[in-house]
């Protein structure tokens, strides 16, 4: 399988997989029900969801040509002490055979072991790239009801991730919710699941899970709801007339959602898209999905950055034109749009199309120093809420008097810094934690600066989440505006220290980063 054609973990408009047998789904469900997603004895938290799949592979890939006999496949698996075997044709992955397949499709049915293994293998298995994450494998397994996913690197299979690798830690409510999402056939059924997200966030927050992991898990439920709406819309409207991608941006693009979320999305089409021929189909599809998400509690974006807005449904050539103009003419509105659209992540569709746009953006931005200078200046517009004497700078009037905005003045300044670091090196990560770690690796900032920002980001983010969780627990409206008096004196001092770190790093950006790009 061509690596560029490896399907997104969350897609529906790609070559269909073989429909899993009922017993396959039941066994997968049983594995999920009895699984443990988080290792609570591990002080570093649930690393598995943010680990690259290449690091989770426990056994090298067992490869065999699909023309081999079933007997040969079983002997090869036995020799290599493996419970699966990847089948190839002309070096391309065409199938996978597992112990379960041998039991249910050969032994139980008295099959002839001298028949080609291609007659009993699972054809065209879903695959993932080696640099994708554990959460991607989890979501794919749950969505498709499968237990094994071949991992591809450089166009070649290097191993298989299975449920026994992923689901080995307390049972995750998140996974159950995602599984339930794909079983729903109506907006009413999806609404019942979406209504559970605030409680899920509260439970995750009180479980002492790192904030970045909570963001991944909450975002995974949003992803699933969005994808299910796309699937239901396609079922009602019929197959899409041309290739398209549904792309999410903003906090969902970064996988950093909390209890308060609007929707930010756009649609990318192949250049074969013709507005007269195809426009009405995709307009209806986008409206069904965006309006559906609004009904589920993910309100419309106040700025209209949604696929239902005509401007944000375009072919690749037009999107390249948009980003080119934003980068080459960095006016205030262009900078505002950049802060949203540069956190783009493919949610649904083939990766090849998305990669063309993502590569164009990275190459264009890293070469334009004037644009990066403007983006750096823009990143300094949101300041931590600290006054001259290391006291909190509170909102002075209005509905939020005597509070601090933990999103706009706490989280966003770090998100903006992380984005600038990533753009300056043409890096692909969208998650802020991943961006900060990579910035240190590439010496954009010092390792000490990266660690300090990561610690500050965690403290500010978890404080925000715990405040939201407390509001949920008390059946109050969830907000980002927190009265500092809700914290103990020690907690307040730690939060001030975190804000001070952000101020220091913003000052460093202003003195060094901008100066280097102007000179």
Protein backbone atom coordinates (compact mmCIF):
# COMPACT_ATOMS: atom_id res chain seq x y z
CA UNK A 1 0.00 0.00 0.00
CA UNK A 2 1.34 3.43 -0.97
CA UNK A 3 2.17 5.25 2.24
CA UNK A 4 0.55 8.46 1.00
CA UNK A 5 -2.66 6.53 0.50
CA UNK A 6 -2.77 5.17 4.03
CA UNK A 7 -6.21 6.18 5.21
CA UNK A 8 -6.88 8.54 8.03
CA UNK A 9 -7.68 6.84 11.30
CA UNK A 10 -10.95 8.72 11.24
CA UNK A 11 -12.28 8.58 7.74
CA UNK A 12 -15.27 7.29 5.88
CA UNK A 13 -14.89 8.25 2.21
CA UNK A 14 -12.05 5.89 1.35
CA UNK A 15 -11.90 2.34 -0.08
CA UNK A 16 -14.18 0.26 2.19
CA UNK A 17 -12.85 -2.36 4.54
CA UNK A 18 -14.27 -5.86 4.61
CA UNK A 19 -17.23 -5.77 6.95
CA UNK A 20 -16.17 -7.42 10.23
CA UNK A 21 -18.01 -10.60 11.12
CA UNK A 22 -20.41 -10.35 14.06
CA UNK A 23 -18.21 -12.54 16.24
CA UNK A 24 -15.21 -10.34 15.40
CA UNK A 25 -17.06 -7.27 16.65
CA UNK A 26 -18.26 -9.05 19.78
CA UNK A 27 -14.75 -10.19 20.61
CA UNK A 28 -13.39 -6.68 20.06
CA UNK A 29 -16.15 -5.26 22.25
CA UNK A 30 -15.34 -7.76 24.99
CA UNK A 31 -11.69 -6.75 24.80
CA UNK A 32 -12.68 -3.09 25.14
CA UNK A 33 -15.06 -3.77 28.03
CA UNK A 34 -12.38 -5.59 29.95
CA UNK A 35 -9.57 -3.25 29.02
CA UNK A 36 -7.52 -0.93 31.17
CA UNK A 37 -6.48 2.22 29.34
CA UNK A 38 -4.41 3.95 32.00
CA UNK A 39 -1.56 2.58 34.09
CA UNK A 40 -2.26 4.27 37.41
CA UNK A 41 1.00 2.95 38.87
CA UNK A 42 2.91 4.95 36.30
CA UNK A 43 3.57 8.40 37.74
CA UNK A 44 4.02 9.85 34.27
CA UNK A 45 0.39 9.15 33.43
CA UNK A 46 -1.19 7.49 30.41
CA UNK A 47 1.71 7.90 27.99
CA UNK A 48 0.30 5.33 25.61
CA UNK A 49 -2.24 7.66 24.05
CA UNK A 50 0.40 10.19 22.99
CA UNK A 51 3.18 7.70 22.15
CA UNK A 52 4.12 7.14 18.52
CA UNK A 53 3.01 3.75 17.27
CA UNK A 54 6.55 2.82 16.27
CA UNK A 55 7.44 2.78 19.98
CA UNK A 56 4.49 0.52 20.86
CA UNK A 57 5.29 -2.33 18.47
CA UNK A 58 6.28 -5.41 20.46
CA UNK A 59 7.04 -7.83 17.62
CA UNK A 60 8.53 -7.35 14.17
CA UNK A 61 6.16 -7.80 11.26
CA UNK A 62 5.62 -11.36 10.03
CA UNK A 63 5.31 -11.07 6.25
CA UNK A 64 4.14 -13.61 3.70
CA UNK A 65 2.93 -13.55 0.10
CA UNK A 66 -0.84 -13.94 -0.17
CA UNK A 67 -0.35 -16.86 -2.58
CA UNK A 68 1.15 -19.01 0.21
CA UNK A 69 -0.98 -21.78 1.64
CA UNK A 70 -2.90 -21.51 4.90
CA UNK A 71 -0.63 -24.24 6.27
CA UNK A 72 2.47 -22.16 5.41
CA UNK A 73 0.99 -19.10 7.11
CA UNK A 74 0.20 -21.07 10.28
CA UNK A 75 3.70 -22.59 10.33
CA UNK A 76 5.28 -19.16 9.86
CA UNK A 77 3.24 -17.65 12.68
CA UNK A 78 4.10 -20.59 14.95
CA UNK A 79 7.81 -20.32 14.10
CA UNK A 80 7.90 -16.60 14.86
CA UNK A 81 5.63 -16.91 17.93
CA UNK A 82 3.22 -14.37 16.43
CA UNK A 83 -0.57 -14.21 16.55
CA UNK A 84 -0.85 -12.55 13.16
CA UNK A 85 0.68 -12.42 9.73
CA UNK A 86 0.65 -9.59 7.17
CA UNK A 87 -0.06 -10.72 3.61
CA UNK A 88 1.50 -9.03 0.60
CA UNK A 89 1.17 -8.93 -3.16
CA UNK A 90 3.98 -7.23 -5.06
CA UNK A 91 5.23 -5.80 -1.74
CA UNK A 92 1.84 -4.15 -1.10
CA UNK A 93 -0.26 -5.01 1.97
CA UNK A 94 -3.37 -6.84 0.80
CA UNK A 95 -4.50 -8.63 3.96
CA UNK A 96 -3.88 -9.83 7.49
CA UNK A 97 -4.37 -13.27 9.05
CA UNK A 98 -4.80 -13.69 12.80
CA UNK A 99 -5.11 -16.61 15.20
CA UNK A 100 -8.79 -15.77 15.43
CA UNK A 101 -9.13 -16.01 11.65
CA UNK A 102 -7.52 -19.46 11.69
CA UNK A 103 -9.89 -20.66 14.41
CA UNK A 104 -13.12 -19.22 13.01
CA UNK A 105 -12.54 -19.41 9.27
CA UNK A 106 -10.45 -22.58 8.91
CA UNK A 107 -10.50 -24.95 11.88
CA UNK A 108 -14.15 -24.40 12.92
CA UNK A 109 -15.31 -24.86 9.31
CA UNK A 110 -13.05 -27.78 8.43
CA UNK A 111 -11.24 -25.70 5.82
CA UNK A 112 -8.52 -27.04 3.54
CA UNK A 113 -5.16 -25.81 4.83
CA UNK A 114 -3.64 -26.22 1.37
CA UNK A 115 -5.84 -23.45 -0.02
CA UNK A 116 -4.23 -20.02 -0.57
CA UNK A 117 -4.17 -17.88 2.55
CA UNK A 118 -5.85 -15.14 0.50
CA UNK A 119 -9.10 -17.11 0.74
CA UNK A 120 -9.35 -16.63 4.51
CA UNK A 121 -7.39 -13.46 5.25
CA UNK A 122 -9.05 -10.16 6.16
CA UNK A 123 -8.66 -8.15 2.98
CA UNK A 124 -7.39 -4.57 2.71
CA UNK A 125 -6.89 -3.98 6.43
CA UNK A 126 -6.86 -0.43 7.75
CA UNK A 127 -3.30 0.72 8.38
CA UNK A 128 -1.61 3.53 10.28
CA UNK A 129 1.72 5.27 9.84
CA UNK A 130 4.51 4.67 12.33
CA UNK A 131 4.54 8.31 13.44
CA UNK A 132 0.87 8.34 14.39
CA UNK A 133 -0.20 8.00 18.01
CA UNK A 134 -1.64 5.42 20.34
CA UNK A 135 -4.91 7.37 20.51
CA UNK A 136 -5.20 7.02 16.72
CA UNK A 137 -4.95 3.24 16.99
CA UNK A 138 -7.48 3.18 19.83
CA UNK A 139 -10.02 5.21 17.88
CA UNK A 140 -9.55 3.17 14.70
CA UNK A 141 -10.00 -0.14 16.54
CA UNK A 142 -13.12 1.11 18.28
CA UNK A 143 -14.60 2.69 15.15
CA UNK A 144 -14.03 -0.35 12.94
CA UNK A 145 -14.48 -3.09 15.55
CA UNK A 146 -11.05 -4.56 14.77
CA UNK A 147 -8.20 -5.88 16.89
CA UNK A 148 -5.11 -5.64 14.68
CA UNK A 149 -3.69 -2.70 12.74
CA UNK A 150 -0.57 -3.03 10.51
CA UNK A 151 1.89 -0.16 10.99
CA UNK A 152 3.57 1.32 7.91
CA UNK A 153 6.90 3.11 7.74
CA UNK A 154 8.48 4.24 4.50
CA UNK A 155 5.81 2.38 2.56
CA UNK A 156 6.65 -0.93 4.26
CA UNK A 157 4.89 -2.80 7.11
CA UNK A 158 7.07 -2.87 10.23
CA UNK A 159 4.71 -4.48 12.72
CA UNK A 160 1.18 -4.77 14.03
CA UNK A 161 -0.51 -2.97 16.91
CA UNK A 162 -3.24 -5.02 18.56
CA UNK A 163 -5.74 -4.53 21.36
CA UNK A 164 -3.46 -6.39 23.77
CA UNK A 165 -0.85 -3.66 23.24
CA UNK A 166 -3.26 -0.77 23.58
CA UNK A 167 -5.90 -1.92 26.06
CA UNK A 168 -3.73 -3.06 28.92
CA UNK A 169 -4.32 -0.51 31.54
CA UNK A 170 -8.43 1.07 34.36
CA UNK A 171 -11.35 0.88 31.93
CA UNK A 172 -11.71 4.10 29.90
CA UNK A 173 -15.14 5.65 29.74
CA UNK A 174 -13.83 7.58 26.75
CA UNK A 175 -13.45 4.43 24.68
CA UNK A 176 -16.93 3.26 25.58
CA UNK A 177 -18.39 6.60 24.52
CA UNK A 178 -16.53 6.55 21.22
CA UNK A 179 -17.70 3.01 20.58
CA UNK A 180 -21.29 4.02 21.32
CA UNK A 181 -21.02 6.97 18.94
CA UNK A 182 -20.50 4.69 15.94
CA UNK A 183 -23.55 2.63 16.88
CA UNK A 184 -25.92 5.60 16.77
CA UNK A 185 -28.26 6.20 13.83
CA UNK A 186 -29.83 9.50 14.83
CA UNK A 187 -28.99 12.93 16.19
CA UNK A 188 -30.99 12.07 19.31
CA UNK A 189 -28.75 9.10 20.05
CA UNK A 190 -25.62 11.19 19.52
CA UNK A 191 -27.00 13.91 21.80
CA UNK A 192 -27.26 11.45 24.69
CA UNK A 193 -23.55 10.70 24.30
CA UNK A 194 -22.50 14.34 23.84
CA UNK A 195 -24.35 15.21 27.06
CA UNK A 196 -21.97 12.88 28.93
CA UNK A 197 -18.83 14.78 27.88
CA UNK A 198 -18.89 17.29 30.79
CA UNK A 199 -19.08 14.42 33.29
CA UNK A 200 -16.28 12.66 31.43
CA UNK A 201 -14.11 15.76 31.69
CA UNK A 202 -14.86 16.02 35.41
CA UNK A 203 -13.96 12.35 35.99
CA UNK A 204 -10.74 12.60 33.98
CA UNK A 205 -9.70 15.77 35.78
CA UNK A 206 -10.24 14.21 39.22
CA UNK A 207 -8.18 11.17 38.13
CA UNK A 208 -4.95 13.21 38.10
CA UNK A 209 -4.39 12.63 34.42
CA UNK A 210 -2.14 15.25 32.74
CA UNK A 211 -4.09 18.02 31.04
CA UNK A 212 -2.64 17.23 27.60
CA UNK A 213 -3.97 13.69 27.80
CA UNK A 214 -7.37 14.94 28.94
CA UNK A 215 -7.40 17.19 25.88
CA UNK A 216 -6.66 14.22 23.63
CA UNK A 217 -9.46 12.15 25.16
CA UNK A 218 -12.11 14.88 25.13
CA UNK A 219 -11.14 15.71 21.55
CA UNK A 220 -11.46 12.04 20.58
CA UNK A 221 -15.14 12.07 21.53
CA UNK A 222 -15.69 15.26 19.53
CA UNK A 223 -13.88 13.64 16.59
CA UNK A 224 -16.14 10.61 16.73
CA UNK A 225 -19.33 12.68 16.92
CA UNK A 226 -18.19 14.74 13.95
CA UNK A 227 -17.26 11.68 11.91
CA UNK A 228 -20.52 9.91 12.69
CA UNK A 229 -22.46 12.93 11.47
CA UNK A 230 -20.42 12.86 8.26
CA UNK A 231 -21.18 9.16 7.82
CA UNK A 232 -24.90 9.68 8.41
CA UNK A 233 -24.93 12.64 6.03
CA UNK A 234 -23.22 10.59 3.31
CA UNK A 235 -25.70 7.81 3.86
CA UNK A 236 -28.59 10.22 3.32
CA UNK A 237 -27.08 12.17 0.43
CA UNK A 238 -25.28 9.32 -1.31
CA UNK A 239 -21.56 8.86 -2.08
CA UNK A 240 -19.55 12.09 -2.44
CA UNK A 241 -19.04 13.02 -6.11
CA UNK A 242 -15.36 13.95 -5.65
CA UNK A 243 -12.62 13.33 -3.12
CA UNK A 244 -12.82 15.60 -0.09
CA UNK A 245 -11.24 16.16 3.30
CA UNK A 246 -13.02 17.40 6.42
CA UNK A 247 -10.40 19.32 8.38
CA UNK A 248 -10.68 20.63 11.92
CA UNK A 249 -8.76 23.64 13.22
CA UNK A 250 -8.35 25.56 16.46
CA UNK A 251 -8.39 23.68 19.76
CA UNK A 252 -9.83 20.54 18.18
CA UNK A 253 -7.12 20.67 15.53
CA UNK A 254 -4.57 20.74 18.36
CA UNK A 255 -6.50 18.09 20.31
CA UNK A 256 -6.73 20.46 23.26
CA UNK A 257 -10.48 20.69 23.83
CA UNK A 258 -12.06 21.28 27.23
CA UNK A 259 -15.66 21.58 28.40
CA UNK A 260 -16.27 24.77 26.38
CA UNK A 261 -16.04 24.25 22.64
CA UNK A 262 -17.39 25.86 19.52
CA UNK A 263 -16.76 24.26 16.13
CA UNK A 264 -14.01 25.23 13.68
CA UNK A 265 -13.72 23.33 10.41
CA UNK A 266 -13.25 23.58 6.66
CA UNK A 267 -13.53 21.35 3.60
CA UNK A 268 -10.74 20.65 1.12
CA UNK A 269 -11.51 19.22 -2.31
CA UNK A 270 -9.42 17.70 -5.04
CA UNK A 271 -8.87 20.14 -7.91
CA UNK A 272 -11.41 18.15 -9.94
CA UNK A 273 -14.09 19.87 -7.84
CA UNK A 274 -16.60 21.83 -9.91
CA UNK A 275 -18.86 24.22 -8.03
CA UNK A 276 -21.73 23.88 -10.51
CA UNK A 277 -21.65 20.09 -10.52
CA UNK A 278 -20.67 19.34 -6.94
CA UNK A 279 -21.37 22.47 -4.89
CA UNK A 280 -24.93 21.69 -3.82
CA UNK A 281 -24.02 18.21 -2.51
CA UNK A 282 -21.23 19.50 -0.28
CA UNK A 283 -23.21 22.55 0.84
CA UNK A 284 -25.96 20.26 2.08
CA UNK A 285 -23.47 17.86 3.68
CA UNK A 286 -21.65 20.68 5.50
CA UNK A 287 -24.90 22.16 6.76
CA UNK A 288 -26.10 18.79 8.05
CA UNK A 289 -22.85 18.20 9.94
CA UNK A 290 -22.34 21.73 11.32
CA UNK A 291 -25.98 22.08 12.36
CA UNK A 292 -25.82 18.61 13.88
CA UNK A 293 -22.75 19.53 15.93
CA UNK A 294 -24.54 22.66 17.10
CA UNK A 295 -27.45 20.51 18.31
CA UNK A 296 -24.94 18.35 20.18
CA UNK A 297 -23.67 21.39 22.09
CA UNK A 298 -20.71 22.39 19.93
CA UNK A 299 -21.97 25.85 19.09
CA UNK A 300 -21.41 27.65 15.81
CA UNK A 301 -18.11 29.48 15.53
CA UNK A 302 -18.82 33.19 16.20
CA UNK A 303 -16.46 34.08 13.34
CA UNK A 304 -18.12 31.66 10.93
CA UNK A 305 -15.02 29.48 10.53
CA UNK A 306 -17.01 26.39 9.66
CA UNK A 307 -17.41 24.19 6.63
CA UNK A 308 -21.01 25.41 6.27
CA UNK A 309 -19.64 28.83 5.29
CA UNK A 310 -19.24 28.91 1.50
CA UNK A 311 -15.78 30.52 1.64
CA UNK A 312 -14.38 27.61 3.65
CA UNK A 313 -15.32 24.90 1.14
CA UNK A 314 -12.72 25.05 -1.61
CA UNK A 315 -10.44 22.94 -3.83
CA UNK A 316 -6.72 22.63 -3.08
CA UNK A 317 -5.69 25.39 -5.52
CA UNK A 318 -7.95 27.92 -3.78
CA UNK A 319 -6.75 26.94 -0.29
CA UNK A 320 -3.16 27.41 -1.46
CA UNK A 321 -4.16 30.86 -2.69
CA UNK A 322 -5.74 31.68 0.70
CA UNK A 323 -2.68 30.66 2.71
CA UNK A 324 -0.30 32.35 0.26
CA UNK A 325 -2.14 35.65 0.69
CA UNK A 326 -2.26 35.36 4.49
CA UNK A 327 1.47 34.68 4.62
CA UNK A 328 2.54 37.28 2.07
CA UNK A 329 0.14 39.99 3.27
CA UNK A 330 0.04 39.56 7.08
CA UNK A 331 -2.67 42.09 7.89
CA UNK A 332 -4.52 41.88 11.24
CA UNK A 333 -7.36 39.75 9.87
CA UNK A 334 -4.88 37.45 8.09
CA UNK A 335 -2.96 36.99 11.35
CA UNK A 336 -6.19 36.21 13.19
CA UNK A 337 -7.15 33.59 10.60
CA UNK A 338 -3.62 32.16 10.67
CA UNK A 339 -3.89 31.50 14.40
CA UNK A 340 -6.92 29.32 13.71
CA UNK A 341 -6.17 27.72 10.35
CA UNK A 342 -2.52 26.91 11.04
CA UNK A 343 -3.66 24.41 13.69
CA UNK A 344 -5.23 22.21 11.05
CA UNK A 345 -5.74 18.44 11.40
CA UNK A 346 -7.28 15.96 8.99
CA UNK A 347 -10.38 14.37 10.48
CA UNK A 348 -11.99 12.59 7.54
CA UNK A 349 -10.73 11.60 4.10
CA UNK A 350 -7.56 10.47 2.36
CA UNK A 351 -4.29 11.81 3.66
CA UNK A 352 -2.67 12.42 0.30
CA UNK A 353 -4.82 15.48 -0.39
CA UNK A 354 -4.32 16.91 3.09
CA UNK A 355 -0.56 16.38 2.98
CA UNK A 356 -0.27 18.51 -0.15
CA UNK A 357 -1.84 21.47 1.63
CA UNK A 358 0.02 20.94 4.90
CA UNK A 359 3.36 20.74 3.08
CA UNK A 360 2.59 23.89 1.11
CA UNK A 361 1.79 25.80 4.31
CA UNK A 362 4.95 24.66 6.11
CA UNK A 363 7.25 25.47 3.20
CA UNK A 364 5.64 28.83 2.54
CA UNK A 365 5.64 30.02 6.15
CA UNK A 366 9.18 28.98 7.08
CA UNK A 367 10.61 30.92 4.12
CA UNK A 368 8.76 34.17 4.86
CA UNK A 369 10.59 35.96 7.64
CA UNK A 370 8.45 39.09 7.50
CA UNK A 371 5.34 36.97 8.08
CA UNK A 372 6.94 35.19 11.02
CA UNK A 373 7.91 38.55 12.52
CA UNK A 374 4.28 39.69 12.33
CA UNK A 375 3.11 36.39 13.82
CA UNK A 376 5.63 36.77 16.64
CA UNK A 377 4.34 40.27 17.38
CA UNK A 378 0.78 38.97 17.30
CA UNK A 379 1.72 36.22 19.77
CA UNK A 380 2.57 38.94 22.31
CA UNK A 381 -0.89 40.49 22.18
CA UNK A 382 -2.29 38.12 24.83
CA UNK A 383 -0.49 38.77 28.10
CA UNK A 384 -0.59 36.75 31.34
CA UNK A 385 -2.74 38.43 34.02
CA UNK A 386 0.10 39.75 36.21
CA UNK A 387 0.66 43.32 37.44
CA UNK A 388 3.86 45.16 38.34
CA UNK A 389 4.02 43.81 41.87
CA UNK A 390 3.51 40.14 40.92
CA UNK A 391 -0.19 40.37 41.75
CA UNK A 392 -3.03 39.10 39.61
CA UNK A 393 -4.39 41.59 37.12
CA UNK A 394 -8.13 41.05 37.48
CA UNK A 395 -11.03 41.88 35.20
CA UNK A 396 -12.24 45.21 36.58
CA UNK A 397 -15.91 45.28 35.64
CA UNK A 398 -18.74 43.50 33.89
CA UNK A 399 -20.06 40.00 34.44
CA UNK A 400 -16.55 38.65 35.07
CA UNK A 401 -15.36 41.26 37.55
CA UNK A 402 -12.55 40.13 39.90
CA UNK A 403 -11.64 37.10 37.79
CA UNK A 404 -8.79 36.04 35.51
CA UNK A 405 -9.36 34.56 32.06
CA UNK A 406 -7.51 31.26 32.19
CA UNK A 407 -7.97 30.69 28.48
CA UNK A 408 -7.25 34.04 26.83
CA UNK A 409 -4.57 35.17 29.28
CA UNK A 410 -3.32 31.81 30.48
CA UNK A 411 -3.46 29.05 27.87
CA UNK A 412 -3.51 31.09 24.64
CA UNK A 413 -0.17 32.90 25.19
CA UNK A 414 1.60 29.52 25.43
CA UNK A 415 -0.35 28.09 22.46
CA UNK A 416 0.73 31.14 20.44
CA UNK A 417 4.38 30.74 21.43
CA UNK A 418 4.33 27.06 20.53
CA UNK A 419 2.80 27.85 17.12
CA UNK A 420 5.49 30.43 16.34
CA UNK A 421 8.25 27.98 17.24
CA UNK A 422 6.69 25.34 14.98
CA UNK A 423 6.19 27.70 12.03
CA UNK A 424 9.78 28.94 12.28
CA UNK A 425 11.12 25.45 11.55
CA UNK A 426 8.35 24.23 9.28
CA UNK A 427 7.35 21.61 11.84
CA UNK A 428 4.21 19.53 11.36
CA UNK A 429 3.00 18.89 14.96
CA UNK A 430 -0.19 20.76 15.85
CA UNK A 431 -0.44 19.87 19.55
CA UNK A 432 1.17 22.56 21.72
CA UNK A 433 3.07 20.12 23.93
CA UNK A 434 4.51 18.37 20.88
CA UNK A 435 5.48 21.72 19.39
CA UNK A 436 7.30 22.84 22.54
CA UNK A 437 9.20 19.57 22.79
CA UNK A 438 10.25 19.73 19.15
CA UNK A 439 11.29 23.37 19.50
CA UNK A 440 13.78 22.31 22.16
CA UNK A 441 15.05 19.43 20.02
CA UNK A 442 15.64 21.83 17.11
CA UNK A 443 17.24 24.45 19.42
CA UNK A 444 14.60 27.08 18.65
CA UNK A 445 14.41 27.54 22.40
CA UNK A 446 16.58 26.15 25.15
CA UNK A 447 15.75 22.84 26.79
CA UNK A 448 15.30 24.74 30.06
CA UNK A 449 12.90 27.19 28.41
CA UNK A 450 10.91 24.35 26.90
CA UNK A 451 10.67 22.52 30.23
CA UNK A 452 9.61 25.69 32.04
CA UNK A 453 6.91 26.42 29.45
CA UNK A 454 5.67 22.84 29.54
CA UNK A 455 5.42 22.97 33.33
CA UNK A 456 3.65 26.34 33.17
CA UNK A 457 1.28 25.06 30.48
CA UNK A 458 0.40 22.01 32.57
CA UNK A 459 -0.24 24.04 35.72
CA UNK A 460 -2.37 26.67 33.98
CA UNK A 461 -4.27 24.08 31.93
CA UNK A 462 -5.01 21.75 34.83
CA UNK A 463 -6.08 24.70 36.99
CA UNK A 464 -8.50 25.69 34.23
CA UNK A 465 -9.80 22.12 33.91
CA UNK A 466 -10.25 21.70 37.66
CA UNK A 467 -12.16 24.97 37.86
CA UNK A 468 -14.42 23.83 35.01
CA UNK A 469 -14.84 20.42 36.66
CA UNK A 470 -15.92 22.11 39.90
CA UNK A 471 -18.49 24.17 38.02
CA UNK A 472 -19.81 21.02 36.34
CA UNK A 473 -20.03 19.29 39.70
CA UNK A 474 -22.03 22.22 41.08
CA UNK A 475 -24.31 22.30 38.00
CA UNK A 476 -23.14 25.81 37.13
CA UNK A 477 -22.38 27.35 33.74
CA UNK A 478 -18.87 26.34 32.71
CA UNK A 479 -16.51 29.28 32.28
CA UNK A 480 -12.86 30.22 31.68
CA UNK A 481 -13.14 33.16 34.11
CA UNK A 482 -11.89 32.05 37.52
CA UNK A 483 -11.84 34.10 40.73
CA UNK A 484 -8.32 33.57 42.16
CA UNK A 485 -9.85 33.40 45.65
CA UNK A 486 -11.12 29.91 44.75
CA UNK A 487 -7.48 28.76 45.07
CA UNK A 488 -5.42 28.40 48.24
CA UNK A 489 -2.62 30.91 48.86
CA UNK A 490 -0.02 28.35 47.82
CA UNK A 491 -1.93 27.52 44.62
CA UNK A 492 -2.18 31.21 43.80
CA UNK A 493 1.56 31.65 44.20
CA UNK A 494 2.27 28.66 41.95
CA UNK A 495 -0.09 30.05 39.33
CA UNK A 496 1.65 33.44 39.50
CA UNK A 497 4.99 31.69 38.99
CA UNK A 498 3.59 29.95 35.90
CA UNK A 499 2.35 33.27 34.48
CA UNK A 500 5.76 34.79 35.22
CA UNK A 501 7.44 32.06 33.14
CA UNK A 502 5.16 32.90 30.22
CA UNK A 503 5.99 36.60 30.56
CA UNK A 504 9.69 35.77 30.57
CA UNK A 505 9.42 33.61 27.44
CA UNK A 506 7.36 36.28 25.69
CA UNK A 507 10.08 38.80 26.53
CA UNK A 508 12.69 36.43 25.13
CA UNK A 509 10.68 36.10 21.92
CA UNK A 510 10.42 39.86 21.62
CA UNK A 511 14.15 40.46 22.23
CA UNK A 512 15.67 37.58 20.30
CA UNK A 513 13.28 35.95 17.87
CA UNK A 514 11.93 39.13 16.28
CA UNK A 515 15.33 40.80 16.23
CA UNK A 516 16.85 37.86 14.36
CA UNK A 517 14.11 37.89 11.75
CA UNK A 518 14.18 41.66 11.22
CA UNK A 519 17.97 41.77 10.81
